[in-house]
Amino acid sequence: MRMHALRRLTVLAAVAALAVPFGLTSAGAAARQPADTIRTAAAAAPLPGLYISPWGDAQVAVGDETLAWMEREGITLEAVSPFVMDADGRGFSMPIGSTAGDRLDSKGRIFYPGGLKLHHPRSGKTITLKSTFIRVMPTPAYSAGVSVDGEALSEEVTVAESTYTEVMFGARPSTTGFRIKKAPFYVTQDAASLFASVTGATAPRVGSLFGTLTPNFDYVPKAAKPPTVPTLP
């Protein structure tokens, strides 16, 4: 009973953190523009001191259908630091840290400096998804700036989306904060249209599972050590 109550409190706290209203307009409306009409996103001011988590890490497991699509197209995935690819190439990790820019901004996003590169040998194109945003309002989403062969194409495109119900289903307390386990994110029409227009190749299926996100939100740094008692000489 105690663990059930603790989990309920964790879920409620996480929902509150992810759903605080800031009088925002819907970012999703702009994100769903067709690829050839995507507009540059306006800069968003940070909300000082407002963090989902000051420390932690997040793991992304790429979905089986996305991996199969990448294999058919001969696509290789490369992490842009500080993202790190898993040894098996089926996922990647990214840090959560209290550094400049990772607060929620006025568009309900957390900024991450790393990203991904998709190398498509048949077209000779490399699509870079950087910088990265994890949006928590008005709906959960993964978005990124997009460049092709080093040339900027768009400041922000929504790559994958989820729902609060699916994200919060995996919320659990941890010893240092809380964790959301395997929140699913699905390929958007924007992402599919952009890939097809850039490469002329078959795009991933809209609505297919891009991958699952497992963030560990910590409020106590893992490297923290208890204070020592001074000793007399």
Protein backbone atom coordinates (compact mmCIF):
# COMPACT_ATOMS: atom_id res chain seq x y z
CA MET A 1 0.00 0.00 0.00
CA ARG A 2 2.83 2.37 0.88
CA MET A 3 4.60 1.79 -2.45
CA HIS A 4 1.31 2.30 -4.31
CA ALA A 5 0.82 5.64 -2.55
CA LEU A 6 4.42 6.65 -3.29
CA ARG A 7 4.03 5.76 -6.96
CA ARG A 8 0.79 7.75 -7.13
CA LEU A 9 2.50 10.80 -5.61
CA THR A 10 5.36 10.43 -8.09
CA VAL A 11 2.98 10.28 -11.03
CA LEU A 12 1.05 13.30 -9.78
CA ALA A 13 4.28 15.26 -9.27
CA ALA A 14 5.52 14.33 -12.71
CA VAL A 15 2.23 15.28 -14.34
CA ALA A 16 2.29 18.60 -12.55
CA ALA A 17 5.86 19.23 -13.70
CA LEU A 18 5.00 18.31 -17.27
CA ALA A 19 1.70 20.13 -17.49
CA VAL A 20 2.20 23.51 -15.78
CA PRO A 21 0.24 26.02 -17.89
CA PHE A 22 2.22 28.98 -19.17
CA GLY A 23 -0.40 30.45 -21.48
CA LEU A 24 1.29 28.78 -24.44
CA THR A 25 -0.10 28.55 -27.92
CA SER A 26 0.04 25.12 -29.56
CA ALA A 27 3.50 24.36 -30.95
CA GLY A 28 2.05 21.27 -32.61
CA ALA A 29 0.14 23.32 -35.19
CA ALA A 30 3.36 24.73 -36.65
CA ALA A 31 5.10 21.37 -36.38
CA ARG A 32 2.54 19.67 -38.60
CA GLN A 33 3.24 21.87 -41.66
CA PRO A 34 4.26 19.88 -44.78
CA ALA A 35 8.03 19.54 -45.20
CA ASP A 36 8.23 22.06 -48.04
CA THR A 37 6.47 24.76 -46.01
CA ILE A 38 8.21 24.32 -42.66
CA ARG A 39 8.98 27.70 -41.16
CA THR A 40 11.90 28.65 -38.96
CA ALA A 41 10.94 28.44 -35.29
CA ALA A 42 11.13 31.64 -33.30
CA ALA A 43 13.66 31.75 -30.47
CA ALA A 44 12.11 30.96 -27.10
CA ALA A 45 13.17 32.59 -23.86
CA PRO A 46 14.10 30.35 -20.93
CA LEU A 47 12.06 30.21 -17.75
CA PRO A 48 14.81 30.77 -15.15
CA GLY A 49 15.14 28.11 -12.47
CA LEU A 50 12.39 25.84 -13.78
CA TYR A 51 13.76 22.34 -14.26
CA ILE A 52 12.13 19.00 -14.79
CA SER A 53 15.34 17.59 -13.32
CA PRO A 54 18.75 19.06 -12.51
CA TRP A 55 20.60 15.77 -13.06
CA GLY A 56 20.09 12.44 -14.75
CA ASP A 57 20.26 10.67 -18.07
CA ALA A 58 17.92 9.41 -20.76
CA GLN A 59 18.07 6.26 -22.88
CA VAL A 60 16.40 5.86 -26.27
CA ALA A 61 15.75 2.41 -27.72
CA VAL A 62 15.02 2.69 -31.44
CA GLY A 63 11.83 0.85 -32.46
CA ASP A 64 12.00 -2.42 -34.41
CA GLU A 65 10.08 -1.01 -37.38
CA THR A 66 12.37 2.01 -37.55
CA LEU A 67 15.44 -0.25 -37.38
CA ALA A 68 14.02 -2.42 -40.19
CA TRP A 69 13.37 0.68 -42.31
CA MET A 70 16.93 1.91 -41.69
CA GLU A 71 18.30 -1.49 -42.73
CA ARG A 72 16.25 -1.50 -45.96
CA GLU A 73 17.47 1.98 -46.83
CA GLY A 74 21.07 1.28 -45.80
CA ILE A 75 20.93 4.09 -43.24
CA THR A 76 23.56 4.32 -40.53
CA LEU A 77 22.92 6.29 -37.36
CA GLU A 78 25.63 8.38 -35.70
CA ALA A 79 25.40 10.18 -32.36
CA VAL A 80 26.46 13.82 -32.10
CA SER A 81 28.18 14.45 -28.74
CA PRO A 82 27.17 14.49 -25.95
CA PHE A 83 24.75 11.83 -27.27
CA VAL A 84 26.36 8.37 -27.24
CA MET A 85 25.35 5.42 -29.41
CA ASP A 86 24.79 2.05 -27.75
CA ALA A 87 27.34 -0.60 -28.58
CA ASP A 88 24.76 -2.61 -30.56
CA GLY A 89 23.65 0.45 -32.56
CA ARG A 90 20.01 -0.04 -31.54
CA GLY A 91 19.75 3.01 -29.32
CA PHE A 92 21.52 5.97 -27.79
CA SER A 93 21.81 7.89 -24.53
CA MET A 94 21.83 11.57 -23.70
CA PRO A 95 22.57 13.46 -20.48
CA ILE A 96 20.22 15.50 -18.35
CA GLY A 97 22.13 18.23 -16.55
CA SER A 98 21.72 21.62 -14.93
CA THR A 99 23.63 23.57 -17.57
CA ALA A 100 22.73 26.70 -19.50
CA GLY A 101 19.78 26.09 -21.78
CA ASP A 102 18.29 22.91 -20.37
CA ARG A 103 15.49 24.63 -18.48
CA LEU A 104 11.96 24.59 -19.81
CA ASP A 105 11.65 27.47 -22.24
CA SER A 106 8.56 29.51 -23.05
CA LYS A 107 7.56 26.88 -25.64
CA GLY A 108 7.57 24.10 -23.05
CA ARG A 109 10.81 22.49 -24.26
CA ILE A 110 14.09 21.31 -22.76
CA PHE A 111 17.11 21.99 -24.97
CA TYR A 112 19.90 19.46 -25.50
CA PRO A 113 23.05 20.37 -27.47
CA GLY A 114 23.64 16.92 -28.99
CA GLY A 115 21.85 15.11 -31.76
CA LEU A 116 21.88 12.44 -34.45
CA LYS A 117 23.16 12.01 -37.99
CA LEU A 118 21.42 9.79 -40.53
CA HIS A 119 23.73 8.75 -43.36
CA HIS A 120 21.81 7.64 -46.48
CA PRO A 121 24.36 6.24 -48.95
CA ARG A 122 21.94 5.70 -51.87
CA SER A 123 21.21 9.41 -52.12
CA GLY A 124 24.57 10.50 -50.76
CA LYS A 125 22.78 12.68 -48.20
CA THR A 126 23.50 13.12 -44.51
CA ILE A 127 20.64 14.48 -42.42
CA THR A 128 21.67 15.96 -39.09
CA LEU A 129 19.10 16.36 -36.31
CA LYS A 130 20.65 18.97 -34.01
CA SER A 131 20.04 20.75 -31.72
CA THR A 132 17.56 18.57 -29.85
CA PHE A 133 14.42 19.52 -27.95
CA ILE A 134 12.30 17.31 -25.71
CA ARG A 135 8.97 19.09 -25.55
CA VAL A 136 6.75 18.52 -22.54
CA MET A 137 4.00 21.02 -23.41
CA PRO A 138 1.45 21.16 -24.93
CA THR A 139 2.14 17.53 -25.90
CA PRO A 140 5.22 15.32 -25.42
CA ALA A 141 7.45 15.38 -28.49
CA TYR A 142 11.00 15.03 -29.80
CA SER A 143 12.00 17.80 -32.16
CA ALA A 144 15.28 18.98 -33.64
CA GLY A 145 16.94 21.44 -35.92
CA VAL A 146 17.61 19.92 -39.34
CA SER A 147 20.54 20.33 -41.70
CA VAL A 148 21.39 18.41 -44.87
CA ASP A 149 25.05 17.94 -45.81
CA GLY A 150 25.95 20.73 -43.42
CA GLU A 151 23.41 23.24 -44.80
CA ALA A 152 20.68 24.37 -42.38
CA LEU A 153 17.19 23.43 -43.54
CA SER A 154 14.97 24.22 -40.54
CA GLU A 155 15.50 25.45 -37.01
CA GLU A 156 13.00 22.93 -35.63
CA VAL A 157 10.99 19.99 -36.95
CA THR A 158 8.89 17.65 -34.83
CA VAL A 159 10.38 14.21 -35.46
CA ALA A 160 8.26 12.10 -33.11
CA GLU A 161 5.31 12.61 -30.77
CA SER A 162 3.69 10.84 -27.83
CA THR A 163 0.77 11.33 -25.44
CA TYR A 164 0.66 12.13 -21.74
CA THR A 165 -1.22 8.91 -21.03
CA GLU A 166 1.52 6.76 -22.58
CA VAL A 167 4.37 8.80 -21.11
CA MET A 168 3.05 8.84 -17.57
CA PHE A 169 2.06 5.15 -17.59
CA GLY A 170 5.70 4.27 -16.91
CA ALA A 171 6.32 6.84 -14.16
CA ARG A 172 7.98 5.32 -11.09
CA PRO A 173 9.75 6.72 -8.02
CA SER A 174 13.47 6.18 -7.67
CA THR A 175 15.87 6.61 -4.78
CA THR A 176 17.04 9.96 -6.17
CA GLY A 177 13.97 11.27 -8.02
CA PHE A 178 11.69 9.57 -10.52
CA ARG A 179 11.88 7.58 -13.72
CA ILE A 180 9.66 7.25 -16.77
CA LYS A 181 10.09 3.84 -18.36
CA LYS A 182 9.90 3.29 -22.13
CA ALA A 183 7.68 6.19 -23.14
CA PRO A 184 6.80 5.59 -26.83
CA PHE A 185 7.36 8.25 -29.50
CA TYR A 186 5.86 7.89 -32.99
CA VAL A 187 7.10 9.15 -36.37
CA THR A 188 5.35 12.34 -37.53
CA GLN A 189 4.17 13.28 -41.00
CA ASP A 190 6.71 16.13 -40.93
CA ALA A 191 9.61 13.73 -40.40
CA ALA A 192 8.44 11.33 -43.12
CA SER A 193 7.82 14.12 -45.65
CA LEU A 194 11.17 15.72 -44.94
CA PHE A 195 13.12 12.49 -45.39
CA ALA A 196 11.34 11.66 -48.65
CA SER A 197 11.84 15.14 -50.08
CA VAL A 198 15.55 15.24 -49.19
CA THR A 199 16.51 11.74 -50.33
CA GLY A 200 13.82 10.74 -52.84
CA ALA A 201 13.66 7.43 -50.96
CA THR A 202 10.98 5.59 -49.01
CA ALA A 203 10.18 7.37 -45.76
CA PRO A 204 9.45 5.70 -42.41
CA ARG A 205 5.77 4.93 -41.90
CA VAL A 206 3.89 7.78 -40.26
CA GLY A 207 2.71 6.66 -36.82
CA SER A 208 5.29 3.88 -36.56
CA LEU A 209 7.31 3.61 -33.37
CA PHE A 210 10.42 5.77 -33.67
CA GLY A 211 11.60 4.55 -30.29
CA THR A 212 11.03 4.53 -26.54
CA LEU A 213 12.46 7.08 -24.14
CA THR A 214 13.51 6.15 -20.59
CA PRO A 215 14.60 9.25 -18.67
CA ASN A 216 15.95 9.06 -15.14
CA PHE A 217 15.20 12.35 -13.39
CA ASP A 218 17.50 12.79 -10.42
CA TYR A 219 17.43 15.42 -7.71
CA VAL A 220 20.57 14.09 -6.04
CA PRO A 221 23.72 13.87 -8.18
CA LYS A 222 25.14 10.36 -8.46
CA ALA A 223 28.60 11.68 -7.76
CA ALA A 224 27.53 13.34 -4.51
CA LYS A 225 29.35 12.19 -1.39
CA PRO A 226 28.20 12.62 2.22
CA PRO A 227 30.12 15.31 4.13
CA THR A 228 33.05 14.10 6.16
CA VAL A 229 33.62 14.95 9.81
CA PRO A 230 36.78 17.01 10.23
CA THR A 231 39.47 15.36 12.30
CA LEU A 232 41.84 17.02 14.70
CA PRO A 233 45.54 16.92 13.82
